[in-house]
Amino acid sequence: MASSPVSPSSPTSPARPGLLAFQPLKRRRCAECRSGPLRLLVLEGGEPRCLDCADLGHLVYLPRGDTALTRRAREGSGLWAVVVRFHRRRARYERQGVLVEEAALAHAEERCLADAEARARRRARDAVRRAARDVRFTEAFAAEIGRLFPGCPEDRARAIAAHAAERGSGRVGRSAAGRALSEGAVTAAVGAAVRHTATPYDRLLMSGVPRGEARRRIAPAVAATLRAWREAPGQPGRDARACEGEGHTWPPKPVGN
């Protein structure tokens, strides 16, 4: 019967890479001890046998899914069998797992667990190294802000650098130009910080003003702040309010006489 997983003469019977155990599609009983219905069976002389009668009852079932665990359990097992089930629509047998010795499975699980722990330790070390590199990069980015914009307060420079250089953010600091500390990238990061924290840009967007128009409206304020920050503290013409980056109330109030 071509559709039956217990017919050894079926043209769709699986190749035999050693012992085979079947997950039957129909209710089957052991031809020797009459136990059943059987969840797994072995064919001997065309007759179904339970695992106990086939001397495989001491084996444990390991479902497919973990290739490394299956390989190691099979290699460490003196006796093992492949478990298959017939797929009616595909008209073929498909591997479901293996039967292996319990001790071999336990040893394989220990080895895989050790590998997993080793990988976890390696990931932890890599994370520490990445964090150290990120700290150094953020410090370099802040230093470059200080070089290009000596009037920018140090705490603002550090905050801008940390925001722009955040790993996985996709911001300008993580771009190739940003990692190279190019002047354009650093200036873009500082300009973005000024735009969002020292102008009413965000409020304009929330009120429905198109982005291009909002940028046009606040462009003079951003440019003024960047000009002020490009001057060292104490230099004439430096706008102290822009230097501090405050401006959640905008525009700045005129200074009294």
C-alpha atoms as a PDB file:
ATOM      1  CA  MET A   1       0.000   0.000   0.000  1.00  0.00           C
ATOM      2  CA  ALA A   2       1.873   3.107  -1.218  1.00  0.00           C
ATOM      3  CA  SER A   3       0.351   5.434   1.344  1.00  0.00           C
ATOM      4  CA  SER A   4       1.067   3.258   4.340  1.00  0.00           C
ATOM      5  CA  PRO A   5       4.200   3.906   6.385  1.00  0.00           C
ATOM      6  CA  VAL A   6       4.402   0.240   7.348  1.00  0.00           C
ATOM      7  CA  SER A   7       4.748  -1.220   3.879  1.00  0.00           C
ATOM      8  CA  PRO A   8       8.409  -2.093   3.253  1.00  0.00           C
ATOM      9  CA  SER A   9       7.694  -2.825  -0.399  1.00  0.00           C
ATOM     10  CA  SER A  10       6.329   0.673  -1.049  1.00  0.00           C
ATOM     11  CA  PRO A  11       8.220   2.490  -3.818  1.00  0.00           C
ATOM     12  CA  THR A  12       8.205   5.516  -1.530  1.00  0.00           C
ATOM     13  CA  SER A  13       9.803   3.697   1.405  1.00  0.00           C
ATOM     14  CA  PRO A  14      12.727   5.708   2.817  1.00  0.00           C
ATOM     15  CA  ALA A  15      16.296   4.776   2.183  1.00  0.00           C
ATOM     16  CA  ARG A  16      17.700   2.944   5.198  1.00  0.00           C
ATOM     17  CA  PRO A  17      20.567   4.899   6.773  1.00  0.00           C
ATOM     18  CA  GLY A  18      20.631   2.415   9.659  1.00  0.00           C
ATOM     19  CA  LEU A  19      17.615   1.543  11.783  1.00  0.00           C
ATOM     20  CA  LEU A  20      14.234   3.101  11.064  1.00  0.00           C
ATOM     21  CA  ALA A  21      11.293   3.704  13.340  1.00  0.00           C
ATOM     22  CA  PHE A  22       7.936   4.833  11.979  1.00  0.00           C
ATOM     23  CA  GLN A  23       5.223   7.140  13.245  1.00  0.00           C
ATOM     24  CA  PRO A  24       2.211   5.260  11.815  1.00  0.00           C
ATOM     25  CA  LEU A  25      -0.652   7.061  10.157  1.00  0.00           C
ATOM     26  CA  LYS A  26      -3.086   4.316  11.154  1.00  0.00           C
ATOM     27  CA  ARG A  27      -3.712   2.568  14.449  1.00  0.00           C
ATOM     28  CA  ARG A  28      -1.255  -0.318  14.634  1.00  0.00           C
ATOM     29  CA  ARG A  29      -0.594  -3.016  17.200  1.00  0.00           C
ATOM     30  CA  CYS A  30       2.572  -4.952  17.842  1.00  0.00           C
ATOM     31  CA  ALA A  31       2.509  -8.273  15.972  1.00  0.00           C
ATOM     32  CA  GLU A  32       4.390  -9.926  18.845  1.00  0.00           C
ATOM     33  CA  CYS A  33       2.927  -8.623  22.126  1.00  0.00           C
ATOM     34  CA  ARG A  34      -0.275  -7.130  20.679  1.00  0.00           C
ATOM     35  CA  SER A  35       0.256  -3.843  22.536  1.00  0.00           C
ATOM     36  CA  GLY A  36      -1.054  -0.707  20.929  1.00  0.00           C
ATOM     37  CA  PRO A  37      -2.005   1.501  19.365  1.00  0.00           C
ATOM     38  CA  LEU A  38       1.657   2.234  18.758  1.00  0.00           C
ATOM     39  CA  ARG A  39       3.092   5.737  18.669  1.00  0.00           C
ATOM     40  CA  LEU A  40       6.296   4.375  17.178  1.00  0.00           C
ATOM     41  CA  LEU A  41       6.957   1.045  15.542  1.00  0.00           C
ATOM     42  CA  VAL A  42       9.677  -0.923  13.786  1.00  0.00           C
ATOM     43  CA  LEU A  43       9.131  -3.230  10.814  1.00  0.00           C
ATOM     44  CA  GLU A  44      10.530  -6.746  11.075  1.00  0.00           C
ATOM     45  CA  GLY A  45       9.664  -9.144   8.291  1.00  0.00           C
ATOM     46  CA  GLY A  46       6.945  -6.779   7.153  1.00  0.00           C
ATOM     47  CA  GLU A  47       5.268  -6.909  10.580  1.00  0.00           C
ATOM     48  CA  PRO A  48       5.042  -4.030  13.035  1.00  0.00           C
ATOM     49  CA  ARG A  49       6.873  -4.404  16.311  1.00  0.00           C
ATOM     50  CA  CYS A  50       6.761  -2.110  19.326  1.00  0.00           C
ATOM     51  CA  LEU A  51      10.041  -0.615  20.473  1.00  0.00           C
ATOM     52  CA  ASP A  52      10.277  -2.998  23.435  1.00  0.00           C
ATOM     53  CA  CYS A  53       9.876  -6.070  21.252  1.00  0.00           C
ATOM     54  CA  ALA A  54      12.380  -4.609  18.772  1.00  0.00           C
ATOM     55  CA  ASP A  55      14.889  -4.106  21.618  1.00  0.00           C
ATOM     56  CA  LEU A  56      14.732  -0.349  21.211  1.00  0.00           C
ATOM     57  CA  GLY A  57      12.575   0.412  24.216  1.00  0.00           C
ATOM     58  CA  HIS A  58      15.483   1.886  26.184  1.00  0.00           C
ATOM     59  CA  LEU A  59      16.013   4.623  23.599  1.00  0.00           C
ATOM     60  CA  VAL A  60      14.540   8.109  24.012  1.00  0.00           C
ATOM     61  CA  TYR A  61      12.980  10.205  21.286  1.00  0.00           C
ATOM     62  CA  LEU A  62      14.694  13.453  20.257  1.00  0.00           C
ATOM     63  CA  PRO A  63      12.556  15.550  17.867  1.00  0.00           C
ATOM     64  CA  ARG A  64      14.222  17.289  14.945  1.00  0.00           C
ATOM     65  CA  GLY A  65      15.031  20.972  15.184  1.00  0.00           C
ATOM     66  CA  ASP A  66      18.413  21.240  16.896  1.00  0.00           C
ATOM     67  CA  THR A  67      20.992  20.030  14.391  1.00  0.00           C
ATOM     68  CA  ALA A  68      23.983  20.226  16.746  1.00  0.00           C
ATOM     69  CA  LEU A  69      22.174  18.378  19.538  1.00  0.00           C
ATOM     70  CA  THR A  70      20.947  15.661  17.166  1.00  0.00           C
ATOM     71  CA  ARG A  71      24.398  15.149  15.672  1.00  0.00           C
ATOM     72  CA  ARG A  72      26.110  14.915  19.028  1.00  0.00           C
ATOM     73  CA  ALA A  73      23.477  12.625  20.529  1.00  0.00           C
ATOM     74  CA  ARG A  74      23.667  10.288  17.517  1.00  0.00           C
ATOM     75  CA  GLU A  75      27.463  10.243  17.565  1.00  0.00           C
ATOM     76  CA  GLY A  76      27.517   9.364  21.246  1.00  0.00           C
ATOM     77  CA  SER A  77      24.860   6.668  21.024  1.00  0.00           C
ATOM     78  CA  GLY A  78      25.921   3.083  20.369  1.00  0.00           C
ATOM     79  CA  LEU A  79      22.401   2.314  19.109  1.00  0.00           C
ATOM     80  CA  TRP A  80      20.130   4.782  17.398  1.00  0.00           C
ATOM     81  CA  ALA A  81      17.297   4.916  14.875  1.00  0.00           C
ATOM     82  CA  VAL A  82      15.846   7.546  12.569  1.00  0.00           C
ATOM     83  CA  VAL A  83      12.153   8.289  13.115  1.00  0.00           C
ATOM     84  CA  VAL A  84      10.140   8.990   9.952  1.00  0.00           C
ATOM     85  CA  ARG A  85       6.535   9.622   9.036  1.00  0.00           C
ATOM     86  CA  PHE A  86       4.811   9.349   5.668  1.00  0.00           C
ATOM     87  CA  HIS A  87       3.566  12.640   4.199  1.00  0.00           C
ATOM     88  CA  ARG A  88       0.488  11.838   2.110  1.00  0.00           C
ATOM     89  CA  ARG A  89       0.409  14.996   0.000  1.00  0.00           C
ATOM     90  CA  ARG A  90       4.108  14.851  -0.824  1.00  0.00           C
ATOM     91  CA  ALA A  91       4.000  11.043  -1.152  1.00  0.00           C
ATOM     92  CA  ARG A  92       7.246  10.582   0.696  1.00  0.00           C
ATOM     93  CA  TYR A  93       8.693   9.810   4.110  1.00  0.00           C
ATOM     94  CA  GLU A  94      10.023  12.703   6.130  1.00  0.00           C
ATOM     95  CA  ARG A  95      12.404  12.616   9.057  1.00  0.00           C
ATOM     96  CA  GLN A  96      10.832  13.556  12.386  1.00  0.00           C
ATOM     97  CA  GLY A  97      13.679  12.937  14.783  1.00  0.00           C
ATOM     98  CA  VAL A  98      15.887  10.209  16.195  1.00  0.00           C
ATOM     99  CA  LEU A  99      15.856   7.587  18.922  1.00  0.00           C
ATOM    100  CA  VAL A 100      19.074   7.676  20.937  1.00  0.00           C
ATOM    101  CA  GLU A 101      20.438   6.377  24.189  1.00  0.00           C
ATOM    102  CA  GLU A 102      19.461   8.516  27.153  1.00  0.00           C
ATOM    103  CA  ALA A 103      23.022   8.893  28.404  1.00  0.00           C
ATOM    104  CA  ALA A 104      24.179  10.028  24.977  1.00  0.00           C
ATOM    105  CA  LEU A 105      21.394  12.620  24.849  1.00  0.00           C
ATOM    106  CA  ALA A 106      22.284  13.926  28.312  1.00  0.00           C
ATOM    107  CA  HIS A 107      25.943  14.241  27.344  1.00  0.00           C
ATOM    108  CA  ALA A 108      25.038  15.984  24.083  1.00  0.00           C
ATOM    109  CA  GLU A 109      22.829  18.437  25.976  1.00  0.00           C
ATOM    110  CA  GLU A 110      25.702  19.234  28.335  1.00  0.00           C
ATOM    111  CA  ARG A 111      28.038  19.906  25.412  1.00  0.00           C
ATOM    112  CA  CYS A 112      25.498  22.127  23.668  1.00  0.00           C
ATOM    113  CA  LEU A 113      24.830  23.992  26.895  1.00  0.00           C
ATOM    114  CA  ALA A 114      28.564  24.564  27.347  1.00  0.00           C
ATOM    115  CA  ASP A 115      28.738  25.909  23.795  1.00  0.00           C
ATOM    116  CA  ALA A 116      25.771  28.190  24.475  1.00  0.00           C
ATOM    117  CA  GLU A 117      27.409  29.485  27.649  1.00  0.00           C
ATOM    118  CA  ALA A 118      30.656  30.070  25.762  1.00  0.00           C
ATOM    119  CA  ARG A 119      28.767  32.006  23.088  1.00  0.00           C
ATOM    120  CA  ALA A 120      27.014  34.036  25.777  1.00  0.00           C
ATOM    121  CA  ARG A 121      30.357  34.882  27.389  1.00  0.00           C
ATOM    122  CA  ARG A 122      31.768  35.871  23.999  1.00  0.00           C
ATOM    123  CA  ARG A 123      28.745  38.077  23.322  1.00  0.00           C
ATOM    124  CA  ALA A 124      29.216  39.711  26.725  1.00  0.00           C
ATOM    125  CA  ARG A 125      32.892  40.391  25.996  1.00  0.00           C
ATOM    126  CA  ASP A 126      32.017  41.793  22.584  1.00  0.00           C
ATOM    127  CA  ALA A 127      29.389  44.031  24.170  1.00  0.00           C
ATOM    128  CA  VAL A 128      31.971  45.390  26.629  1.00  0.00           C
ATOM    129  CA  ARG A 129      34.392  46.080  23.781  1.00  0.00           C
ATOM    130  CA  ARG A 130      31.672  47.799  21.733  1.00  0.00           C
ATOM    131  CA  ALA A 131      30.658  49.902  24.720  1.00  0.00           C
ATOM    132  CA  ALA A 132      34.275  50.975  25.262  1.00  0.00           C
ATOM    133  CA  ARG A 133      34.607  51.882  21.578  1.00  0.00           C
ATOM    134  CA  ASP A 134      31.338  53.813  21.757  1.00  0.00           C
ATOM    135  CA  VAL A 135      32.583  55.782  24.775  1.00  0.00           C
ATOM    136  CA  ARG A 136      35.826  56.653  23.006  1.00  0.00           C
ATOM    137  CA  PHE A 137      33.964  57.641  19.840  1.00  0.00           C
ATOM    138  CA  THR A 138      31.487  59.796  21.762  1.00  0.00           C
ATOM    139  CA  GLU A 139      34.367  61.528  23.530  1.00  0.00           C
ATOM    140  CA  ALA A 140      36.111  62.148  20.198  1.00  0.00           C
ATOM    141  CA  PHE A 141      32.869  63.465  18.699  1.00  0.00           C
ATOM    142  CA  ALA A 142      32.401  65.832  21.658  1.00  0.00           C
ATOM    143  CA  ALA A 143      36.001  67.001  21.338  1.00  0.00           C
ATOM    144  CA  GLU A 144      35.472  67.736  17.656  1.00  0.00           C
ATOM    145  CA  ILE A 145      32.358  69.724  18.505  1.00  0.00           C
ATOM    146  CA  GLY A 146      34.466  71.693  20.975  1.00  0.00           C
ATOM    147  CA  ARG A 147      37.097  72.326  18.312  1.00  0.00           C
ATOM    148  CA  LEU A 148      34.624  73.490  15.669  1.00  0.00           C
ATOM    149  CA  PHE A 149      32.307  75.264  18.111  1.00  0.00           C
ATOM    150  CA  PRO A 150      34.462  76.488  21.005  1.00  0.00           C
ATOM    151  CA  GLY A 151      31.552  78.581  22.286  1.00  0.00           C
ATOM    152  CA  CYS A 152      29.356  75.531  22.807  1.00  0.00           C
ATOM    153  CA  PRO A 153      29.100  74.612  26.504  1.00  0.00           C
ATOM    154  CA  GLU A 154      30.899  71.370  27.315  1.00  0.00           C
ATOM    155  CA  ASP A 155      27.814  69.676  28.719  1.00  0.00           C
ATOM    156  CA  ARG A 156      25.862  70.529  25.575  1.00  0.00           C
ATOM    157  CA  ALA A 157      28.691  69.196  23.402  1.00  0.00           C
ATOM    158  CA  ARG A 158      28.708  65.922  25.325  1.00  0.00           C
ATOM    159  CA  ALA A 159      24.926  65.618  25.096  1.00  0.00           C
ATOM    160  CA  ILE A 160      24.942  66.308  21.358  1.00  0.00           C
ATOM    161  CA  ALA A 161      27.736  63.792  20.809  1.00  0.00           C
ATOM    162  CA  ALA A 162      26.003  61.085  22.858  1.00  0.00           C
ATOM    163  CA  HIS A 163      22.755  61.586  20.940  1.00  0.00           C
ATOM    164  CA  ALA A 164      24.366  61.675  17.498  1.00  0.00           C
ATOM    165  CA  ALA A 165      26.667  58.708  18.146  1.00  0.00           C
ATOM    166  CA  GLU A 166      24.100  56.325  19.644  1.00  0.00           C
ATOM    167  CA  ARG A 167      24.652  52.847  18.204  1.00  0.00           C
ATOM    168  CA  GLY A 168      21.870  51.639  15.928  1.00  0.00           C
ATOM    169  CA  SER A 169      20.179  55.032  15.834  1.00  0.00           C
ATOM    170  CA  GLY A 170      20.900  55.725  12.169  1.00  0.00           C
ATOM    171  CA  ARG A 171      21.794  59.290  13.098  1.00  0.00           C
ATOM    172  CA  VAL A 172      24.525  61.310  11.438  1.00  0.00           C
ATOM    173  CA  GLY A 173      27.089  60.285  14.033  1.00  0.00           C
ATOM    174  CA  ARG A 174      26.794  56.629  12.970  1.00  0.00           C
ATOM    175  CA  SER A 175      27.245  57.417   9.276  1.00  0.00           C
ATOM    176  CA  ALA A 176      30.577  56.901   7.559  1.00  0.00           C
ATOM    177  CA  ALA A 177      31.158  60.651   7.588  1.00  0.00           C
ATOM    178  CA  GLY A 178      30.211  60.835  11.246  1.00  0.00           C
ATOM    179  CA  ARG A 179      32.561  58.029  12.223  1.00  0.00           C
ATOM    180  CA  ALA A 180      35.298  59.858  10.328  1.00  0.00           C
ATOM    181  CA  LEU A 181      34.440  63.010  12.329  1.00  0.00           C
ATOM    182  CA  SER A 182      34.039  65.031   9.158  1.00  0.00           C
ATOM    183  CA  GLU A 183      33.265  68.693   9.684  1.00  0.00           C
ATOM    184  CA  GLY A 184      30.033  68.394   7.704  1.00  0.00           C
ATOM    185  CA  ALA A 185      28.732  65.540   9.830  1.00  0.00           C
ATOM    186  CA  VAL A 186      29.642  67.212  13.113  1.00  0.00           C
ATOM    187  CA  THR A 187      28.082  70.477  12.005  1.00  0.00           C
ATOM    188  CA  ALA A 188      24.929  68.650  10.928  1.00  0.00           C
ATOM    189  CA  ALA A 189      24.645  67.007  14.353  1.00  0.00           C
ATOM    190  CA  VAL A 190      25.080  70.319  16.156  1.00  0.00           C
ATOM    191  CA  GLY A 191      22.605  72.014  13.835  1.00  0.00           C
ATOM    192  CA  ALA A 192      20.021  69.305  14.441  1.00  0.00           C
ATOM    193  CA  ALA A 193      20.453  69.657  18.204  1.00  0.00           C
ATOM    194  CA  VAL A 194      19.972  73.416  18.019  1.00  0.00           C
ATOM    195  CA  ARG A 195      16.964  73.008  15.749  1.00  0.00           C
ATOM    196  CA  HIS A 196      15.164  70.670  18.145  1.00  0.00           C
ATOM    197  CA  THR A 197      16.171  72.148  21.505  1.00  0.00           C
ATOM    198  CA  ALA A 198      16.637  75.892  20.934  1.00  0.00           C
ATOM    199  CA  THR A 199      13.937  76.795  18.436  1.00  0.00           C
ATOM    200  CA  PRO A 200      10.167  76.251  18.136  1.00  0.00           C
ATOM    201  CA  TYR A 201      10.790  73.731  15.322  1.00  0.00           C
ATOM    202  CA  ASP A 202       9.088  70.817  17.040  1.00  0.00           C
ATOM    203  CA  ARG A 203       6.063  72.929  17.967  1.00  0.00           C
ATOM    204  CA  LEU A 204       5.768  74.085  14.382  1.00  0.00           C
ATOM    205  CA  LEU A 205       5.719  70.493  13.167  1.00  0.00           C
ATOM    206  CA  MET A 206       3.104  69.537  15.764  1.00  0.00           C
ATOM    207  CA  SER A 207       0.922  72.444  14.677  1.00  0.00           C
ATOM    208  CA  GLY A 208       0.887  71.128  11.117  1.00  0.00           C
ATOM    209  CA  VAL A 209       3.494  73.353   9.478  1.00  0.00           C
ATOM    210  CA  PRO A 210       5.219  71.427   6.645  1.00  0.00           C
ATOM    211  CA  ARG A 211       8.747  70.376   7.492  1.00  0.00           C
ATOM    212  CA  GLY A 212      10.365  72.472   4.772  1.00  0.00           C
ATOM    213  CA  GLU A 213       8.494  75.585   5.828  1.00  0.00           C
ATOM    214  CA  ALA A 214       9.281  74.953   9.509  1.00  0.00           C
ATOM    215  CA  ARG A 215      12.971  74.645   8.699  1.00  0.00           C
ATOM    216  CA  ARG A 216      12.870  77.836   6.663  1.00  0.00           C
ATOM    217  CA  ARG A 217      11.318  79.757   9.562  1.00  0.00           C
ATOM    218  CA  ILE A 218      13.868  78.683  12.141  1.00  0.00           C
ATOM    219  CA  ALA A 219      16.930  78.700   9.837  1.00  0.00           C
ATOM    220  CA  PRO A 220      18.067  82.234  10.871  1.00  0.00           C
ATOM    221  CA  ALA A 221      17.929  81.290  14.553  1.00  0.00           C
ATOM    222  CA  VAL A 222      19.911  78.108  13.966  1.00  0.00           C
ATOM    223  CA  ALA A 223      22.496  79.971  11.904  1.00  0.00           C
ATOM    224  CA  ALA A 224      22.840  82.643  14.604  1.00  0.00           C
ATOM    225  CA  THR A 225      23.434  80.044  17.294  1.00  0.00           C
ATOM    226  CA  LEU A 226      26.031  78.218  15.196  1.00  0.00           C
ATOM    227  CA  ARG A 227      27.818  81.511  14.493  1.00  0.00           C
ATOM    228  CA  ALA A 228      27.865  82.326  18.181  1.00  0.00           C
ATOM    229  CA  TRP A 229      29.161  78.892  19.088  1.00  0.00           C
ATOM    230  CA  ARG A 230      31.957  79.142  16.532  1.00  0.00           C
ATOM    231  CA  GLU A 231      33.407  81.992  18.585  1.00  0.00           C
ATOM    232  CA  ALA A 232      35.392  81.241  21.708  1.00  0.00           C
ATOM    233  CA  PRO A 233      33.855  82.330  25.018  1.00  0.00           C
ATOM    234  CA  GLY A 234      34.453  85.981  25.758  1.00  0.00           C
ATOM    235  CA  GLN A 235      34.852  86.997  22.130  1.00  0.00           C
ATOM    236  CA  PRO A 236      32.902  90.090  21.024  1.00  0.00           C
ATOM    237  CA  GLY A 237      29.607  89.490  19.266  1.00  0.00           C
ATOM    238  CA  ARG A 238      28.892  86.196  20.957  1.00  0.00           C
ATOM    239  CA  ASP A 239      25.219  85.712  21.755  1.00  0.00           C
ATOM    240  CA  ALA A 240      25.262  84.372  25.306  1.00  0.00           C
ATOM    241  CA  ARG A 241      21.710  83.082  25.139  1.00  0.00           C
ATOM    242  CA  ALA A 242      22.395  81.130  21.928  1.00  0.00           C
ATOM    243  CA  CYS A 243      25.637  79.873  23.470  1.00  0.00           C
ATOM    244  CA  GLU A 244      23.736  78.290  26.335  1.00  0.00           C
ATOM    245  CA  GLY A 245      21.390  76.643  23.848  1.00  0.00           C
ATOM    246  CA  GLU A 246      18.315  77.775  25.730  1.00  0.00           C
ATOM    247  CA  GLY A 247      15.340  78.865  23.725  1.00  0.00           C
ATOM    248  CA  HIS A 248      12.296  76.832  24.585  1.00  0.00           C
ATOM    249  CA  THR A 249      10.745  80.301  24.677  1.00  0.00           C
ATOM    250  CA  TRP A 250      11.456  81.826  21.293  1.00  0.00           C
ATOM    251  CA  PRO A 251      12.412  84.368  20.026  1.00  0.00           C
ATOM    252  CA  PRO A 252      14.749  85.664  22.758  1.00  0.00           C
ATOM    253  CA  LYS A 253      13.424  88.621  24.617  1.00  0.00           C
ATOM    254  CA  PRO A 254      15.243  91.884  23.871  1.00  0.00           C
ATOM    255  CA  VAL A 255      17.774  92.954  26.446  1.00  0.00           C
ATOM    256  CA  GLY A 256      16.638  95.988  28.376  1.00  0.00           C
ATOM    257  CA  ASN A 257      18.557  99.232  28.329  1.00  0.00           C
END
